[in-house]
Amino acid sequence: PQMPHGHMPLPSFWKVVEDTLQQSSAQLQTFCQTFETVTPSPVTQPLNPAEERKVLSLVSKHGPDKLYQVTSNISGSKDLDLTLLRGQIVALLHSADTKGNTSRWLVDAGGPRGFVPAAKLQPY
């Protein structure tokens, strides 16, 4: 099959190809940007290698069914509260605090242990 630009001199042909590619690249970029703004990013973010190692050690210590992911940043206000970032993985140690309050859970954050609001955790 004859290409539509087959009769053009080569330099002009490459120019057309280049323009077309640039145009599609720009369209793709716009599409990606639109796509990113339209879809809310899922809470499950890819973990960096250090976090992955931490998760593996938490799993081996506590088992996979004890793992929770932090759904929004937590800034600890009391002595034993942990300050954690959204997306971090923690292991549940006890689903209540020392006073039996079940809205604060004792977790292992891969080293530091402390209390976090249960409402900001979701099963991982």
C-alpha atoms as a PDB file:
ATOM      1  CA  PRO A   1       0.000   0.000   0.000  1.00  0.00           C
ATOM      2  CA  GLN A   2       1.194   3.474  -0.949  1.00  0.00           C
ATOM      3  CA  MET A   3       1.774   5.782   2.036  1.00  0.00           C
ATOM      4  CA  PRO A   4      -0.066   9.116   1.742  1.00  0.00           C
ATOM      5  CA  HIS A   5       3.219  11.027   2.015  1.00  0.00           C
ATOM      6  CA  GLY A   6       5.218   8.609  -0.128  1.00  0.00           C
ATOM      7  CA  HIS A   7       5.594  11.100  -2.990  1.00  0.00           C
ATOM      8  CA  MET A   8       7.111  13.837  -0.782  1.00  0.00           C
ATOM      9  CA  PRO A   9      10.790  14.596  -0.700  1.00  0.00           C
ATOM     10  CA  LEU A  10      12.347  12.850   2.287  1.00  0.00           C
ATOM     11  CA  PRO A  11      13.093  15.927   4.454  1.00  0.00           C
ATOM     12  CA  SER A  12       9.473  17.129   4.196  1.00  0.00           C
ATOM     13  CA  PHE A  13       8.267  13.601   4.897  1.00  0.00           C
ATOM     14  CA  TRP A  14      10.298  13.491   8.134  1.00  0.00           C
ATOM     15  CA  LYS A  15       8.991  16.923   9.058  1.00  0.00           C
ATOM     16  CA  VAL A  16       5.400  15.641   8.751  1.00  0.00           C
ATOM     17  CA  VAL A  17       6.241  12.563  10.830  1.00  0.00           C
ATOM     18  CA  GLU A  18       7.927  14.722  13.468  1.00  0.00           C
ATOM     19  CA  ASP A  19       4.999  17.163  13.644  1.00  0.00           C
ATOM     20  CA  THR A  20       2.515  14.321  13.952  1.00  0.00           C
ATOM     21  CA  LEU A  21       4.559  12.718  16.729  1.00  0.00           C
ATOM     22  CA  GLN A  22       4.887  15.992  18.607  1.00  0.00           C
ATOM     23  CA  GLN A  23       1.173  16.572  18.309  1.00  0.00           C
ATOM     24  CA  SER A  24       0.280  13.105  19.613  1.00  0.00           C
ATOM     25  CA  SER A  25       2.820  13.478  22.405  1.00  0.00           C
ATOM     26  CA  ALA A  26       1.226  16.765  23.453  1.00  0.00           C
ATOM     27  CA  GLN A  27      -2.246  15.183  23.311  1.00  0.00           C
ATOM     28  CA  LEU A  28      -1.042  12.258  25.395  1.00  0.00           C
ATOM     29  CA  GLN A  29       0.433  14.629  27.958  1.00  0.00           C
ATOM     30  CA  THR A  30      -2.811  16.583  28.199  1.00  0.00           C
ATOM     31  CA  PHE A  31      -4.717  13.330  28.514  1.00  0.00           C
ATOM     32  CA  CYS A  32      -2.446  12.132  31.330  1.00  0.00           C
ATOM     33  CA  GLN A  33      -2.802  15.419  33.187  1.00  0.00           C
ATOM     34  CA  THR A  34      -6.586  15.345  32.844  1.00  0.00           C
ATOM     35  CA  PHE A  35      -6.633  11.728  33.917  1.00  0.00           C
ATOM     36  CA  GLU A  36      -4.556  12.487  37.022  1.00  0.00           C
ATOM     37  CA  THR A  37      -6.809  15.345  38.078  1.00  0.00           C
ATOM     38  CA  VAL A  38     -10.005  13.384  37.447  1.00  0.00           C
ATOM     39  CA  THR A  39      -9.116  10.172  39.283  1.00  0.00           C
ATOM     40  CA  PRO A  40      -8.453  10.503  42.997  1.00  0.00           C
ATOM     41  CA  SER A  41      -5.229   8.728  43.822  1.00  0.00           C
ATOM     42  CA  PRO A  42      -5.891   5.498  45.692  1.00  0.00           C
ATOM     43  CA  VAL A  43      -4.723   5.333  49.277  1.00  0.00           C
ATOM     44  CA  THR A  44      -2.610   2.313  48.530  1.00  0.00           C
ATOM     45  CA  GLN A  45       0.548   3.964  47.330  1.00  0.00           C
ATOM     46  CA  PRO A  46       3.501   2.012  46.023  1.00  0.00           C
ATOM     47  CA  LEU A  47       5.900   1.441  48.891  1.00  0.00           C
ATOM     48  CA  ASN A  48       9.526   2.402  48.723  1.00  0.00           C
ATOM     49  CA  PRO A  49      12.056  -0.383  49.450  1.00  0.00           C
ATOM     50  CA  ALA A  50      12.570   0.718  53.066  1.00  0.00           C
ATOM     51  CA  GLU A  51       8.800   0.635  53.723  1.00  0.00           C
ATOM     52  CA  GLU A  52       8.576  -2.737  51.975  1.00  0.00           C
ATOM     53  CA  ARG A  53      11.250  -4.194  54.263  1.00  0.00           C
ATOM     54  CA  LYS A  54       9.404  -2.766  57.255  1.00  0.00           C
ATOM     55  CA  VAL A  55       6.128  -4.319  56.077  1.00  0.00           C
ATOM     56  CA  LEU A  56       7.823  -7.686  55.608  1.00  0.00           C
ATOM     57  CA  SER A  57       9.227  -7.566  59.126  1.00  0.00           C
ATOM     58  CA  LEU A  58       5.806  -6.572  60.519  1.00  0.00           C
ATOM     59  CA  VAL A  59       4.203  -9.478  58.663  1.00  0.00           C
ATOM     60  CA  SER A  60       6.754 -11.935  59.996  1.00  0.00           C
ATOM     61  CA  LYS A  61       6.288 -10.629  63.545  1.00  0.00           C
ATOM     62  CA  HIS A  62       2.514 -10.132  63.657  1.00  0.00           C
ATOM     63  CA  GLY A  63       1.028 -11.907  60.619  1.00  0.00           C
ATOM     64  CA  PRO A  64      -0.618 -10.321  57.540  1.00  0.00           C
ATOM     65  CA  ASP A  65      -4.088 -10.037  59.074  1.00  0.00           C
ATOM     66  CA  LYS A  66      -2.775  -7.553  61.660  1.00  0.00           C
ATOM     67  CA  LEU A  67      -1.544  -5.030  59.067  1.00  0.00           C
ATOM     68  CA  TYR A  68      -3.269  -1.703  58.652  1.00  0.00           C
ATOM     69  CA  GLN A  69      -2.607   1.270  56.433  1.00  0.00           C
ATOM     70  CA  VAL A  70      -2.821   4.852  57.654  1.00  0.00           C
ATOM     71  CA  THR A  71      -5.562   6.639  55.667  1.00  0.00           C
ATOM     72  CA  SER A  72      -4.582  10.211  56.582  1.00  0.00           C
ATOM     73  CA  ASN A  73      -1.696  11.913  58.358  1.00  0.00           C
ATOM     74  CA  ILE A  74      -1.741  11.415  62.113  1.00  0.00           C
ATOM     75  CA  SER A  75      -0.035  13.859  64.426  1.00  0.00           C
ATOM     76  CA  GLY A  76       0.245  12.409  67.891  1.00  0.00           C
ATOM     77  CA  SER A  77      -0.738  14.824  70.675  1.00  0.00           C
ATOM     78  CA  LYS A  78      -0.242  12.691  73.781  1.00  0.00           C
ATOM     79  CA  ASP A  79       2.927  11.043  75.093  1.00  0.00           C
ATOM     80  CA  LEU A  80       2.343   7.610  73.661  1.00  0.00           C
ATOM     81  CA  ASP A  81       0.749   8.767  70.393  1.00  0.00           C
ATOM     82  CA  LEU A  82       2.545   8.096  67.137  1.00  0.00           C
ATOM     83  CA  THR A  83       2.914  10.631  64.353  1.00  0.00           C
ATOM     84  CA  LEU A  84       2.411   8.810  61.065  1.00  0.00           C
ATOM     85  CA  LEU A  85       2.025   9.725  57.411  1.00  0.00           C
ATOM     86  CA  ARG A  86      -0.820   8.695  55.148  1.00  0.00           C
ATOM     87  CA  GLY A  87       0.042   5.449  53.408  1.00  0.00           C
ATOM     88  CA  GLN A  88       2.282   4.080  56.161  1.00  0.00           C
ATOM     89  CA  ILE A  89       1.775   0.481  57.216  1.00  0.00           C
ATOM     90  CA  VAL A  90       1.468  -0.495  60.873  1.00  0.00           C
ATOM     91  CA  ALA A  91       0.701  -3.720  62.744  1.00  0.00           C
ATOM     92  CA  LEU A  92      -2.103  -3.821  65.258  1.00  0.00           C
ATOM     93  CA  LEU A  93      -0.963  -4.898  68.725  1.00  0.00           C
ATOM     94  CA  HIS A  94      -4.086  -4.136  70.735  1.00  0.00           C
ATOM     95  CA  SER A  95      -7.419  -2.632  69.610  1.00  0.00           C
ATOM     96  CA  ALA A  96      -7.771  -0.403  72.699  1.00  0.00           C
ATOM     97  CA  ASP A  97      -5.588   1.910  74.768  1.00  0.00           C
ATOM     98  CA  THR A  98      -4.509   1.419  78.384  1.00  0.00           C
ATOM     99  CA  LYS A  99      -7.845   2.790  79.624  1.00  0.00           C
ATOM    100  CA  GLY A 100      -9.831   0.426  77.416  1.00  0.00           C
ATOM    101  CA  ASN A 101     -10.690   3.139  74.888  1.00  0.00           C
ATOM    102  CA  THR A 102     -11.317   1.276  71.604  1.00  0.00           C
ATOM    103  CA  SER A 103     -11.033   4.369  69.411  1.00  0.00           C
ATOM    104  CA  ARG A 104      -7.266   4.407  70.052  1.00  0.00           C
ATOM    105  CA  TRP A 105      -5.253   1.380  68.991  1.00  0.00           C
ATOM    106  CA  LEU A 106      -1.791   0.302  70.021  1.00  0.00           C
ATOM    107  CA  VAL A 107       0.282  -0.341  66.906  1.00  0.00           C
ATOM    108  CA  ASP A 108       3.803  -1.277  65.920  1.00  0.00           C
ATOM    109  CA  ALA A 109       5.030   1.127  63.256  1.00  0.00           C
ATOM    110  CA  GLY A 110       8.072  -0.981  62.455  1.00  0.00           C
ATOM    111  CA  GLY A 111      10.104   0.196  65.424  1.00  0.00           C
ATOM    112  CA  PRO A 112       8.212   2.835  67.348  1.00  0.00           C
ATOM    113  CA  ARG A 113       5.101   1.587  69.117  1.00  0.00           C
ATOM    114  CA  GLY A 114       2.294   3.788  70.249  1.00  0.00           C
ATOM    115  CA  PHE A 115      -1.344   4.753  69.960  1.00  0.00           C
ATOM    116  CA  VAL A 116      -3.168   5.969  66.851  1.00  0.00           C
ATOM    117  CA  PRO A 117      -6.836   6.826  66.183  1.00  0.00           C
ATOM    118  CA  ALA A 118      -8.532   3.634  64.979  1.00  0.00           C
ATOM    119  CA  ALA A 119     -10.616   5.699  62.542  1.00  0.00           C
ATOM    120  CA  LYS A 120      -7.478   6.568  60.546  1.00  0.00           C
ATOM    121  CA  LEU A 121      -6.549   2.953  59.894  1.00  0.00           C
ATOM    122  CA  GLN A 122      -7.832   0.579  57.248  1.00  0.00           C
ATOM    123  CA  PRO A 123      -6.978  -3.112  56.796  1.00  0.00           C
ATOM    124  CA  TYR A 124      -4.019  -3.424  54.449  1.00  0.00           C
END
